[in-house]
Every structure is written in structure tokens, then in C-alpha cells.
Amino acid sequence: MHELALTEGIIRIVREQAEKNGFDRVLEIRLRVGEVSGIIPECLLEFFPIASRGTPAEGAELVIQPVPAAFRCFTCGYEGPIPPRTACCPQCGGTAIRMTAGREFFVENLKVE
């Protein structure tokens, strides 16, 4: 259940930003979560109301934007998704590929008042 610790980290960021920027209430928290980050968005949504109780984030909407996995092939230059459970470029069949997106997890922005 590392999502609870991650949710507490989000609240810590909110508190730091509230102190630094002088806002009292957060209306929306927008997250970017990579599809292969190992984070379960539903768990973040479940833990958020508990973790945010009594903080400037209480009652805020938690918006999770998924980041699809993307790859780059060093053989042909292809950039994009690859079929699930494969390790080959869908364009040339090469195996010299590198993940370029999909592991992200960060607070993209806060909407405050």
C-alpha cells in the first residue's frame, strides 16, 4: 500500500506550497501517473480524502492524468507504443529500444483560492 505514503507526500507538497504562496484552500490537484509506474490510481483516489482531512487540500478534486508508455527504437528511430508483453519495435522488429515515457509520477499543478 505505498499509495498511502504517496498520498501523504502529495499533502506534504500542498502544505509546503500553501505556506510558501499563502493560499488557504486547494480546489484541484492534477497528477501525472505513468501507466507502468506501479501506482494504482484508484488507491490514490481512495486514500486522498483520508490523508487530506484537516489540510488545505480537504475537499479538493484529485485529477489523475495517465501517461501512456512510449518507447524509442535505436535501430529505426520509431517512437511510440509497443504491443503489450513484447520487447520489440513494432516497425522493424529491433530489440534496441528504450522507454521514454510511462514511469512518471508528479504533481502537475494545483488550482487554489
N, C-alpha and C. Protein backbone atom coordinates (compact mmCIF):
# COMPACT_ATOMS: atom_id res chain seq x y z
N MET A 1 0.83 -1.19 0.00
CA MET A 1 0.00 0.00 0.00
C MET A 1 0.87 1.25 0.00
N HIS A 2 1.83 1.34 -0.91
CA HIS A 2 2.66 2.52 -0.97
C HIS A 2 1.89 3.75 -1.45
N GLU A 3 0.68 3.54 -1.98
CA GLU A 3 -0.14 4.66 -2.41
C GLU A 3 -0.52 5.58 -1.25
N LEU A 4 -0.68 5.02 -0.04
CA LEU A 4 -0.97 5.87 1.12
C LEU A 4 0.21 6.81 1.38
N ALA A 5 1.42 6.29 1.35
CA ALA A 5 2.61 7.14 1.55
C ALA A 5 2.72 8.17 0.43
N LEU A 6 2.40 7.78 -0.79
CA LEU A 6 2.43 8.73 -1.91
C LEU A 6 1.39 9.83 -1.72
N THR A 7 0.20 9.44 -1.25
CA THR A 7 -0.85 10.42 -1.00
C THR A 7 -0.42 11.38 0.11
N GLU A 8 0.21 10.88 1.13
CA GLU A 8 0.72 11.74 2.20
C GLU A 8 1.79 12.69 1.66
N GLY A 9 2.58 12.23 0.70
CA GLY A 9 3.57 13.08 0.05
C GLY A 9 2.92 14.21 -0.74
N ILE A 10 1.81 13.90 -1.39
CA ILE A 10 1.06 14.93 -2.12
C ILE A 10 0.57 16.00 -1.15
N ILE A 11 0.06 15.57 -0.01
CA ILE A 11 -0.43 16.51 1.01
C ILE A 11 0.72 17.35 1.55
N ARG A 12 1.88 16.75 1.71
CA ARG A 12 3.06 17.50 2.17
C ARG A 12 3.41 18.60 1.16
N ILE A 13 3.34 18.29 -0.13
CA ILE A 13 3.60 19.28 -1.17
C ILE A 13 2.58 20.41 -1.09
N VAL A 14 1.31 20.06 -0.90
CA VAL A 14 0.25 21.06 -0.79
C VAL A 14 0.52 21.98 0.40
N ARG A 15 0.85 21.41 1.54
CA ARG A 15 1.12 22.22 2.74
C ARG A 15 2.31 23.16 2.51
N GLU A 16 3.37 22.64 1.91
CA GLU A 16 4.55 23.48 1.63
C GLU A 16 4.20 24.63 0.70
N GLN A 17 3.43 24.33 -0.34
CA GLN A 17 3.05 25.38 -1.29
C GLN A 17 2.09 26.39 -0.66
N ALA A 18 1.19 25.91 0.20
CA ALA A 18 0.26 26.82 0.88
C ALA A 18 1.04 27.79 1.77
N GLU A 19 2.02 27.28 2.48
CA GLU A 19 2.83 28.13 3.35
C GLU A 19 3.66 29.11 2.53
N LYS A 20 4.24 28.62 1.46
CA LYS A 20 5.11 29.45 0.61
C LYS A 20 4.33 30.52 -0.15
N ASN A 21 3.13 30.16 -0.64
CA ASN A 21 2.38 31.06 -1.52
C ASN A 21 1.15 31.69 -0.88
N GLY A 22 0.84 31.32 0.36
CA GLY A 22 -0.22 31.98 1.10
C GLY A 22 -1.64 31.70 0.66
N PHE A 23 -1.93 30.52 0.20
CA PHE A 23 -3.33 30.18 -0.09
C PHE A 23 -3.90 29.33 1.02
N ASP A 24 -5.23 29.36 1.13
CA ASP A 24 -5.91 28.64 2.21
C ASP A 24 -6.59 27.36 1.76
N ARG A 25 -6.90 27.28 0.48
CA ARG A 25 -7.72 26.16 0.03
C ARG A 25 -7.30 25.73 -1.37
N VAL A 26 -7.25 24.42 -1.55
CA VAL A 26 -6.95 23.84 -2.86
C VAL A 26 -8.25 23.32 -3.45
N LEU A 27 -8.53 23.70 -4.68
CA LEU A 27 -9.74 23.23 -5.36
C LEU A 27 -9.48 21.97 -6.17
N GLU A 28 -8.27 21.88 -6.73
CA GLU A 28 -7.95 20.75 -7.61
C GLU A 28 -6.45 20.46 -7.55
N ILE A 29 -6.13 19.18 -7.54
CA ILE A 29 -4.75 18.72 -7.63
C ILE A 29 -4.67 17.83 -8.86
N ARG A 30 -3.80 18.21 -9.78
CA ARG A 30 -3.66 17.45 -11.02
C ARG A 30 -2.35 16.67 -10.97
N LEU A 31 -2.46 15.35 -11.11
CA LEU A 31 -1.30 14.45 -11.08
C LEU A 31 -1.07 13.87 -12.46
N ARG A 32 0.17 13.53 -12.75
CA ARG A 32 0.53 12.76 -13.94
C ARG A 32 1.08 11.43 -13.42
N VAL A 33 0.46 10.33 -13.87
CA VAL A 33 0.83 9.00 -13.40
C VAL A 33 1.08 8.09 -14.60
N GLY A 34 2.31 7.62 -14.72
CA GLY A 34 2.68 6.73 -15.82
C GLY A 34 2.02 5.37 -15.68
N GLU A 35 1.65 4.81 -16.82
CA GLU A 35 0.94 3.53 -16.80
C GLU A 35 1.79 2.37 -16.31
N VAL A 36 3.12 2.52 -16.32
CA VAL A 36 3.99 1.47 -15.81
C VAL A 36 4.76 1.95 -14.58
N SER A 37 4.21 2.92 -13.87
CA SER A 37 4.85 3.46 -12.67
C SER A 37 4.67 2.54 -11.46
N GLY A 38 3.73 1.61 -11.56
CA GLY A 38 3.45 0.74 -10.43
C GLY A 38 2.47 1.35 -9.44
N ILE A 39 1.93 2.51 -9.77
CA ILE A 39 0.99 3.21 -8.90
C ILE A 39 -0.43 2.90 -9.36
N ILE A 40 -1.28 2.60 -8.39
CA ILE A 40 -2.67 2.28 -8.69
C ILE A 40 -3.51 3.54 -8.44
N PRO A 41 -3.96 4.22 -9.51
CA PRO A 41 -4.70 5.46 -9.35
C PRO A 41 -5.93 5.34 -8.44
N GLU A 42 -6.62 4.22 -8.51
CA GLU A 42 -7.82 4.03 -7.69
C GLU A 42 -7.49 4.09 -6.20
N CYS A 43 -6.31 3.59 -5.83
CA CYS A 43 -5.90 3.64 -4.42
C CYS A 43 -5.59 5.07 -4.00
N LEU A 44 -4.95 5.85 -4.88
CA LEU A 44 -4.72 7.26 -4.57
C LEU A 44 -6.04 7.97 -4.31
N LEU A 45 -7.02 7.70 -5.17
CA LEU A 45 -8.34 8.33 -5.02
C LEU A 45 -9.02 7.89 -3.73
N GLU A 46 -8.81 6.65 -3.33
CA GLU A 46 -9.41 6.14 -2.10
C GLU A 46 -8.76 6.75 -0.86
N PHE A 47 -7.44 6.88 -0.87
CA PHE A 47 -6.72 7.39 0.31
C PHE A 47 -6.76 8.91 0.42
N PHE A 48 -6.96 9.61 -0.68
CA PHE A 48 -6.88 11.06 -0.66
C PHE A 48 -7.81 11.73 0.34
N PRO A 49 -9.09 11.38 0.41
CA PRO A 49 -9.97 12.05 1.39
C PRO A 49 -9.50 11.87 2.83
N ILE A 50 -8.92 10.73 3.13
CA ILE A 50 -8.43 10.46 4.49
C ILE A 50 -7.18 11.29 4.76
N ALA A 51 -6.24 11.26 3.83
CA ALA A 51 -4.97 11.97 4.03
C ALA A 51 -5.14 13.49 4.01
N SER A 52 -6.15 13.99 3.30
CA SER A 52 -6.31 15.44 3.17
C SER A 52 -7.16 16.06 4.27
N ARG A 53 -7.78 15.24 5.11
CA ARG A 53 -8.65 15.76 6.17
C ARG A 53 -7.89 16.75 7.05
N GLY A 54 -8.48 17.94 7.23
CA GLY A 54 -7.88 18.96 8.08
C GLY A 54 -6.74 19.74 7.43
N THR A 55 -6.55 19.59 6.12
CA THR A 55 -5.48 20.29 5.40
C THR A 55 -6.11 21.22 4.36
N PRO A 56 -5.31 22.09 3.74
CA PRO A 56 -5.85 22.94 2.67
C PRO A 56 -6.40 22.15 1.49
N ALA A 57 -6.03 20.88 1.37
CA ALA A 57 -6.48 20.03 0.27
C ALA A 57 -7.80 19.32 0.56
N GLU A 58 -8.32 19.45 1.77
CA GLU A 58 -9.57 18.76 2.10
C GLU A 58 -10.68 19.24 1.16
N GLY A 59 -11.35 18.30 0.54
CA GLY A 59 -12.44 18.61 -0.39
C GLY A 59 -11.99 18.90 -1.81
N ALA A 60 -10.68 18.93 -2.05
CA ALA A 60 -10.17 19.20 -3.40
C ALA A 60 -10.45 18.01 -4.31
N GLU A 61 -10.54 18.29 -5.59
CA GLU A 61 -10.69 17.22 -6.58
C GLU A 61 -9.30 16.73 -6.96
N LEU A 62 -9.10 15.44 -6.93
CA LEU A 62 -7.84 14.84 -7.34
C LEU A 62 -8.03 14.34 -8.77
N VAL A 63 -7.32 14.95 -9.70
CA VAL A 63 -7.43 14.61 -11.12
C VAL A 63 -6.16 13.87 -11.52
N ILE A 64 -6.33 12.66 -12.00
CA ILE A 64 -5.18 11.83 -12.37
C ILE A 64 -5.14 11.69 -13.89
N GLN A 65 -4.08 12.21 -14.48
CA GLN A 65 -3.89 12.11 -15.92
C GLN A 65 -2.90 10.99 -16.20
N PRO A 66 -3.35 9.94 -16.87
CA PRO A 66 -2.43 8.84 -17.17
C PRO A 66 -1.43 9.23 -18.25
N VAL A 67 -0.22 8.69 -18.12
CA VAL A 67 0.83 8.89 -19.11
C VAL A 67 1.10 7.52 -19.73
N PRO A 68 0.73 7.34 -20.99
CA PRO A 68 0.97 6.03 -21.62
C PRO A 68 2.45 5.76 -21.81
N ALA A 69 2.78 4.49 -21.81
CA ALA A 69 4.17 4.09 -22.05
C ALA A 69 4.53 4.36 -23.50
N ALA A 70 5.72 4.89 -23.70
CA ALA A 70 6.23 5.14 -25.05
C ALA A 70 7.68 4.70 -25.10
N PHE A 71 8.11 4.35 -26.28
CA PHE A 71 9.45 3.79 -26.48
C PHE A 71 10.11 4.42 -27.70
N ARG A 72 11.44 4.32 -27.74
CA ARG A 72 12.21 4.76 -28.90
C ARG A 72 13.08 3.59 -29.33
N CYS A 73 13.06 3.33 -30.63
CA CYS A 73 13.88 2.27 -31.20
C CYS A 73 15.18 2.89 -31.72
N PHE A 74 16.31 2.36 -31.27
CA PHE A 74 17.60 2.88 -31.70
C PHE A 74 18.00 2.35 -33.08
N THR A 75 17.28 1.35 -33.56
CA THR A 75 17.60 0.79 -34.87
C THR A 75 16.97 1.61 -35.99
N CYS A 76 15.67 1.90 -35.88
CA CYS A 76 14.98 2.59 -36.98
C CYS A 76 14.46 3.98 -36.61
N GLY A 77 14.52 4.33 -35.32
CA GLY A 77 14.07 5.65 -34.91
C GLY A 77 12.59 5.74 -34.54
N TYR A 78 11.88 4.63 -34.60
CA TYR A 78 10.46 4.63 -34.22
C TYR A 78 10.29 5.19 -32.81
N GLU A 79 9.25 5.98 -32.62
CA GLU A 79 8.89 6.47 -31.29
C GLU A 79 7.40 6.28 -31.10
N GLY A 80 7.02 5.60 -30.01
CA GLY A 80 5.62 5.37 -29.72
C GLY A 80 5.43 4.12 -28.88
N PRO A 81 4.19 3.65 -28.83
CA PRO A 81 3.91 2.46 -28.02
C PRO A 81 4.42 1.19 -28.68
N ILE A 82 4.58 0.17 -27.87
CA ILE A 82 4.86 -1.16 -28.41
C ILE A 82 3.78 -2.09 -27.89
N PRO A 83 3.52 -3.18 -28.59
CA PRO A 83 2.48 -4.10 -28.14
C PRO A 83 2.79 -4.65 -26.75
N PRO A 84 1.76 -4.84 -25.94
CA PRO A 84 1.96 -5.38 -24.58
C PRO A 84 2.73 -6.71 -24.61
N ARG A 85 3.55 -6.90 -23.59
CA ARG A 85 4.32 -8.12 -23.38
C ARG A 85 5.28 -8.44 -24.53
N THR A 86 5.76 -7.40 -25.21
CA THR A 86 6.80 -7.62 -26.22
C THR A 86 7.97 -6.72 -25.89
N ALA A 87 9.09 -7.01 -26.45
CA ALA A 87 10.26 -6.17 -26.25
C ALA A 87 10.88 -5.88 -27.61
N CYS A 88 10.02 -5.71 -28.61
CA CYS A 88 10.48 -5.47 -29.96
C CYS A 88 9.80 -4.25 -30.56
N CYS A 89 10.51 -3.58 -31.41
CA CYS A 89 9.96 -2.44 -32.13
C CYS A 89 8.86 -2.95 -33.08
N PRO A 90 7.68 -2.33 -33.07
CA PRO A 90 6.62 -2.79 -33.96
C PRO A 90 6.89 -2.44 -35.43
N GLN A 91 7.84 -1.56 -35.67
CA GLN A 91 8.12 -1.14 -37.04
C GLN A 91 9.19 -2.01 -37.70
N CYS A 92 10.30 -2.27 -36.98
CA CYS A 92 11.40 -3.02 -37.60
C CYS A 92 11.70 -4.34 -36.91
N GLY A 93 11.10 -4.58 -35.74
CA GLY A 93 11.36 -5.82 -35.00
C GLY A 93 12.62 -5.76 -34.16
N GLY A 94 13.29 -4.63 -34.16
CA GLY A 94 14.53 -4.48 -33.39
C GLY A 94 14.29 -4.55 -31.89
N THR A 95 15.33 -4.94 -31.18
CA THR A 95 15.21 -5.04 -29.72
C THR A 95 16.00 -3.96 -28.99
N ALA A 96 16.62 -3.05 -29.73
CA ALA A 96 17.35 -1.94 -29.12
C ALA A 96 16.36 -0.80 -28.87
N ILE A 97 15.55 -0.97 -27.82
CA ILE A 97 14.51 0.02 -27.52
C ILE A 97 14.72 0.56 -26.12
N ARG A 98 14.18 1.77 -25.91
CA ARG A 98 14.28 2.39 -24.60
C ARG A 98 12.95 3.08 -24.28
N MET A 99 12.51 2.92 -23.03
CA MET A 99 11.28 3.57 -22.61
C MET A 99 11.54 5.07 -22.45
N THR A 100 10.67 5.88 -23.04
CA THR A 100 10.81 7.33 -22.96
C THR A 100 9.70 7.98 -22.15
N ALA A 101 8.64 7.26 -21.86
CA ALA A 101 7.53 7.79 -21.06
C ALA A 101 6.77 6.63 -20.45
N GLY A 102 6.09 6.92 -19.32
CA GLY A 102 5.25 5.90 -18.71
C GLY A 102 5.59 5.57 -17.28
N ARG A 103 6.71 6.10 -16.77
CA ARG A 103 7.09 5.84 -15.38
C ARG A 103 6.83 7.05 -14.47
N GLU A 104 6.31 8.13 -15.03
CA GLU A 104 6.16 9.39 -14.30
C GLU A 104 5.21 9.28 -13.11
N PHE A 105 5.46 10.12 -12.13
CA PHE A 105 4.52 10.37 -11.04
C PHE A 105 4.89 11.72 -10.45
N PHE A 106 4.05 12.71 -10.68
CA PHE A 106 4.30 14.03 -10.13
C PHE A 106 3.04 14.87 -10.08
N VAL A 107 3.08 15.88 -9.21
CA VAL A 107 2.00 16.86 -9.12
C VAL A 107 2.25 17.84 -10.26
N GLU A 108 1.32 17.88 -11.21
CA GLU A 108 1.47 18.78 -12.34
C GLU A 108 1.09 20.21 -11.98
N ASN A 109 -0.04 20.38 -11.29
CA ASN A 109 -0.40 21.72 -10.84
C ASN A 109 -1.49 21.67 -9.76
N LEU A 110 -1.63 22.79 -9.11
CA LEU A 110 -2.66 22.96 -8.07
C LEU A 110 -3.55 24.12 -8.49
N LYS A 111 -4.85 23.95 -8.35
CA LYS A 111 -5.79 25.06 -8.53
C LYS A 111 -6.21 25.48 -7.13
N VAL A 112 -5.94 26.73 -6.78
CA VAL A 112 -6.14 27.19 -5.40
C VAL A 112 -7.01 28.44 -5.36
N GLU A 113 -7.45 28.77 -4.14
CA GLU A 113 -8.13 30.05 -3.92
C GLU A 113 -7.70 30.62 -2.59
